[in-house]
Amino acid sequence: MEFDRPKYEDIDRLPLVLLIPKNTKKILDIGCNQGGFGLSLKNLMDIEVWGVEPDEQAATVAKERLDNVIVDFFHSGNPIPDNYFDVITFNDSLEHMPDPASALELCKKKLKTGGRIHCCVPNMRHIDNLEHLFLEKDWRYEEFGIRDKTHLRFFTLKSIVRLFENLELNVVQTMFINEKWWDSKKLLRRLLYRFFPELMSDTKHIQIVVIAEPKK
């Protein structure tokens, strides 16, 4: 299956790796790319890593690194066992899906009792994006980043939490990662952060992380 999308950098995703509980034995990485995240996990702990990746070239590399790779989009027809995984991850993949709710709903069947979903999505309220929207009065898609041309969904902290809660998924923890906001040359930005720190607090980071589990 050929999948026309940008060739994303294969990185270890260390901030996300460090969030995986040490007692995790089986993990499913949705949108695993070339398997860099899973490989980092396998180098740190004794863990079985499955991946789902629609891009054949990326999946070919991932197959050499992970225990099992499904070359497809994530859906109910995949040969993925039910009640099997301790953790399912969406590392900047949920925003590429036309129906994120269905993907998250499917995770409930694939998780063991007590299992969790770790989801990382771009933060639409990042300051660079807000300045583009309000100062440039534009919405210009790009090859990478928050306005990636292949993104189908866009999230704020409130909206991603609401998505999980509407699906009867209990949000255990949220956080922002990948901080990038200070620019000494931009006076308006400096003033906003100085005089409206609470309003601007969720605009400093590029990504949002949500950790959730099915409600008991």
Protein backbone atom coordinates (compact mmCIF):
# COMPACT_ATOMS: atom_id res chain seq x y z
CA MET A 1 0.00 0.00 0.00
CA GLU A 2 1.45 3.33 -1.04
CA PHE A 3 0.68 6.25 1.23
CA ASP A 4 1.50 9.75 -0.01
CA ARG A 5 2.66 11.77 2.97
CA PRO A 6 5.75 13.71 4.04
CA LYS A 7 8.71 11.62 5.16
CA TYR A 8 8.81 12.37 8.85
CA GLU A 9 12.05 12.26 10.80
CA ASP A 10 12.66 8.96 12.55
CA ILE A 11 13.41 9.97 16.15
CA ASP A 12 13.39 8.23 19.53
CA ARG A 13 10.71 10.53 21.03
CA LEU A 14 12.53 10.47 24.37
CA PRO A 15 10.02 12.69 26.26
CA LEU A 16 7.31 10.19 25.32
CA VAL A 17 9.49 7.16 25.99
CA LEU A 18 10.04 8.35 29.55
CA LEU A 19 6.29 8.40 30.17
CA ILE A 20 5.91 4.65 29.53
CA PRO A 21 5.60 2.76 32.85
CA LYS A 22 8.59 0.55 33.61
CA ASN A 23 6.37 -2.50 34.11
CA THR A 24 4.92 -2.28 30.59
CA LYS A 25 5.29 -5.61 28.78
CA LYS A 26 3.28 -5.13 25.59
CA ILE A 27 2.74 -1.90 23.67
CA LEU A 28 1.01 -0.95 20.42
CA ASP A 29 2.33 2.14 18.61
CA ILE A 30 -0.22 3.56 16.15
CA GLY A 31 1.59 5.34 13.33
CA CYS A 32 4.96 3.89 14.28
CA ASN A 33 6.80 5.34 11.24
CA GLN A 34 10.18 3.55 11.05
CA GLY A 35 9.96 2.27 14.61
CA GLY A 36 12.34 4.72 16.30
CA PHE A 37 10.09 5.11 19.34
CA GLY A 38 9.63 1.38 19.77
CA LEU A 39 13.33 0.71 19.28
CA SER A 40 14.14 3.17 22.07
CA LEU A 41 11.75 1.30 24.36
CA LYS A 42 13.29 -2.06 23.49
CA ASN A 43 16.74 -0.68 24.27
CA LEU A 44 15.56 0.38 27.73
CA MET A 45 13.33 -2.48 28.85
CA ASP A 46 12.16 -6.00 28.13
CA ILE A 47 9.07 -5.17 26.07
CA GLU A 48 7.08 -6.50 23.11
CA VAL A 49 6.37 -3.69 20.64
CA TRP A 50 3.76 -3.83 17.89
CA GLY A 51 3.36 -1.08 15.32
CA VAL A 52 0.73 0.04 12.82
CA GLU A 53 2.08 2.00 9.86
CA PRO A 54 0.38 2.65 6.47
CA ASP A 55 3.54 3.81 4.68
CA GLU A 56 5.19 0.71 3.19
CA GLN A 57 8.71 2.12 3.10
CA ALA A 58 8.59 3.23 6.72
CA ALA A 59 6.97 -0.06 7.77
CA THR A 60 9.73 -2.06 6.08
CA VAL A 61 12.29 -0.42 8.37
CA ALA A 62 10.01 -0.79 11.39
CA LYS A 63 9.68 -4.54 10.78
CA GLU A 64 13.41 -4.92 11.37
CA ARG A 65 13.15 -3.15 14.72
CA LEU A 66 9.81 -4.15 16.25
CA ASP A 67 8.17 -7.47 17.09
CA ASN A 68 5.17 -7.11 14.78
CA VAL A 69 4.21 -4.41 12.28
CA ILE A 70 0.82 -4.09 10.55
CA VAL A 71 1.18 -2.31 7.20
CA ASP A 72 -2.19 -0.59 7.16
CA PHE A 73 -4.28 2.09 8.79
CA PHE A 74 -5.60 1.31 12.27
CA HIS A 75 -9.06 -0.28 12.03
CA SER A 76 -11.06 -3.21 13.37
CA GLY A 77 -10.01 -5.50 10.51
CA ASN A 78 -6.34 -5.48 11.51
CA PRO A 79 -4.93 -8.76 12.89
CA ILE A 80 -4.33 -7.21 16.32
CA PRO A 81 -5.32 -9.26 19.39
CA ASP A 82 -7.93 -8.03 21.86
CA ASN A 83 -7.19 -7.53 25.57
CA TYR A 84 -3.46 -7.75 24.87
CA PHE A 85 -1.67 -4.43 25.36
CA ASP A 86 -0.62 -2.55 28.48
CA VAL A 87 -0.21 0.72 26.56
CA ILE A 88 -1.38 2.00 23.16
CA THR A 89 0.38 5.10 21.84
CA PHE A 90 -0.61 7.76 19.33
CA ASN A 91 2.59 9.77 18.90
CA ASP A 92 1.40 12.58 16.62
CA SER A 93 -0.81 10.24 14.61
CA LEU A 94 -4.35 10.86 15.89
CA GLU A 95 -4.56 14.22 14.09
CA HIS A 96 -4.02 12.43 10.76
CA MET A 97 -7.15 10.30 11.20
CA PRO A 98 -10.54 11.18 9.67
CA ASP A 99 -12.32 9.63 12.68
CA PRO A 100 -10.19 9.85 15.84
CA ALA A 101 -13.12 8.80 18.01
CA SER A 102 -13.41 5.41 16.28
CA ALA A 103 -9.67 4.80 16.71
CA LEU A 104 -9.83 5.57 20.42
CA GLU A 105 -12.96 3.44 20.83
CA LEU A 106 -11.17 0.51 19.19
CA CYS A 107 -8.33 0.85 21.71
CA LYS A 108 -10.70 -0.22 24.48
CA LYS A 109 -10.88 -3.70 22.92
CA LYS A 110 -7.14 -3.98 22.46
CA LEU A 111 -6.10 -2.91 25.98
CA LYS A 112 -5.73 -5.22 28.92
CA THR A 113 -7.67 -4.39 32.07
CA GLY A 114 -5.84 -1.44 33.58
CA GLY A 115 -4.23 -0.54 30.26
CA ARG A 116 -3.76 3.04 29.14
CA ILE A 117 -3.65 5.21 26.03
CA HIS A 118 -0.79 7.69 25.63
CA CYS A 119 -1.65 10.31 23.02
CA CYS A 120 0.47 13.21 21.76
CA VAL A 121 -1.08 15.81 19.43
CA PRO A 122 0.00 19.22 18.11
CA ASN A 123 -1.16 22.19 20.19
CA MET A 124 -3.23 24.46 17.98
CA ARG A 125 -2.83 27.27 20.50
CA HIS A 126 0.95 27.36 20.21
CA ILE A 127 2.11 30.97 19.94
CA ASP A 128 3.61 30.57 16.47
CA ASN A 129 0.29 29.33 15.16
CA LEU A 130 -1.70 32.05 16.90
CA GLU A 131 0.50 34.78 15.45
CA HIS A 132 0.11 33.27 11.98
CA LEU A 133 -3.66 33.23 12.40
CA PHE A 134 -4.22 36.62 14.00
CA LEU A 135 -1.34 38.76 12.73
CA GLU A 136 -0.93 37.28 9.26
CA LYS A 137 -4.71 36.64 9.01
CA ASP A 138 -4.01 33.36 7.27
CA TRP A 139 -4.14 29.57 7.57
CA ARG A 140 -1.32 28.31 5.37
CA TYR A 141 -0.68 24.58 5.35
CA GLU A 142 2.94 23.45 5.52
CA GLU A 143 4.99 20.29 5.01
CA PHE A 144 5.47 19.77 8.74
CA GLY A 145 4.37 21.25 12.05
CA ILE A 146 0.99 22.19 13.50
CA ARG A 147 -0.46 23.08 10.10
CA ASP A 148 0.93 19.97 8.43
CA LYS A 149 -0.93 19.52 5.14
CA THR A 150 -1.88 15.95 6.08
CA HIS A 151 -3.50 16.90 9.40
CA LEU A 152 -7.24 16.29 9.36
CA ARG A 153 -7.97 17.30 12.96
CA PHE A 154 -6.74 20.12 15.19
CA PHE A 155 -6.75 20.15 18.99
CA THR A 156 -6.47 22.42 22.00
CA LEU A 157 -6.04 21.00 25.48
CA LYS A 158 -9.76 21.42 26.16
CA SER A 159 -10.88 19.77 22.94
CA ILE A 160 -8.60 16.72 23.16
CA VAL A 161 -9.66 16.12 26.78
CA ARG A 162 -13.31 16.48 25.77
CA LEU A 163 -12.83 13.90 23.00
CA PHE A 164 -11.50 11.35 25.48
CA GLU A 165 -14.13 12.06 28.11
CA ASN A 166 -16.99 11.80 25.59
CA LEU A 167 -15.76 8.28 24.83
CA GLU A 168 -15.88 7.23 28.50
CA LEU A 169 -12.09 7.38 28.75
CA ASN A 170 -10.83 8.69 32.06
CA VAL A 171 -8.07 11.29 31.60
CA VAL A 172 -5.39 10.47 34.14
CA GLN A 173 -2.84 13.13 33.19
CA THR A 174 -2.25 15.92 30.70
CA MET A 175 0.90 17.87 29.98
CA PHE A 176 2.57 20.09 27.42
CA ILE A 177 5.90 19.16 25.82
CA ASN A 178 8.38 20.67 23.38
CA GLU A 179 8.58 24.23 24.73
CA LYS A 180 9.26 26.96 22.16
CA TRP A 181 7.97 30.46 22.75
CA TRP A 182 10.57 33.07 23.73
CA ASP A 183 11.62 35.52 21.03
CA SER A 184 13.36 38.66 22.24
CA LYS A 185 12.70 40.39 18.90
CA LYS A 186 8.92 40.18 19.17
CA LEU A 187 7.72 42.97 21.48
CA LEU A 188 4.03 42.03 21.34
CA ARG A 189 4.82 38.46 22.31
CA ARG A 190 6.95 39.58 25.24
CA LEU A 191 4.19 41.88 26.48
CA LEU A 192 1.55 39.17 26.23
CA TYR A 193 3.56 36.73 28.30
CA ARG A 194 4.44 39.41 30.86
CA PHE A 195 0.97 40.86 31.44
CA PHE A 196 -1.26 37.86 30.66
CA PRO A 197 0.71 34.86 31.95
CA GLU A 198 -2.34 32.75 32.79
CA LEU A 199 -4.05 33.38 29.44
CA MET A 200 -0.86 32.54 27.56
CA SER A 201 0.22 29.58 29.68
CA ASP A 202 -0.99 26.96 27.17
CA THR A 203 0.68 28.64 24.18
CA LYS A 204 4.32 27.91 25.06
CA HIS A 205 4.50 24.29 23.93
CA ILE A 206 4.12 22.70 20.53
CA GLN A 207 2.50 19.46 21.70
CA ILE A 208 -0.09 18.20 24.16
CA VAL A 209 0.10 14.80 25.83
CA VAL A 210 -2.94 13.01 27.21
CA ILE A 211 -2.78 9.78 29.24
CA ALA A 212 -6.13 8.05 29.66
CA GLU A 213 -7.72 4.74 30.55
CA PRO A 214 -11.14 3.17 29.98
CA LYS A 215 -13.55 3.94 32.80
CA LYS A 216 -14.18 0.95 35.06
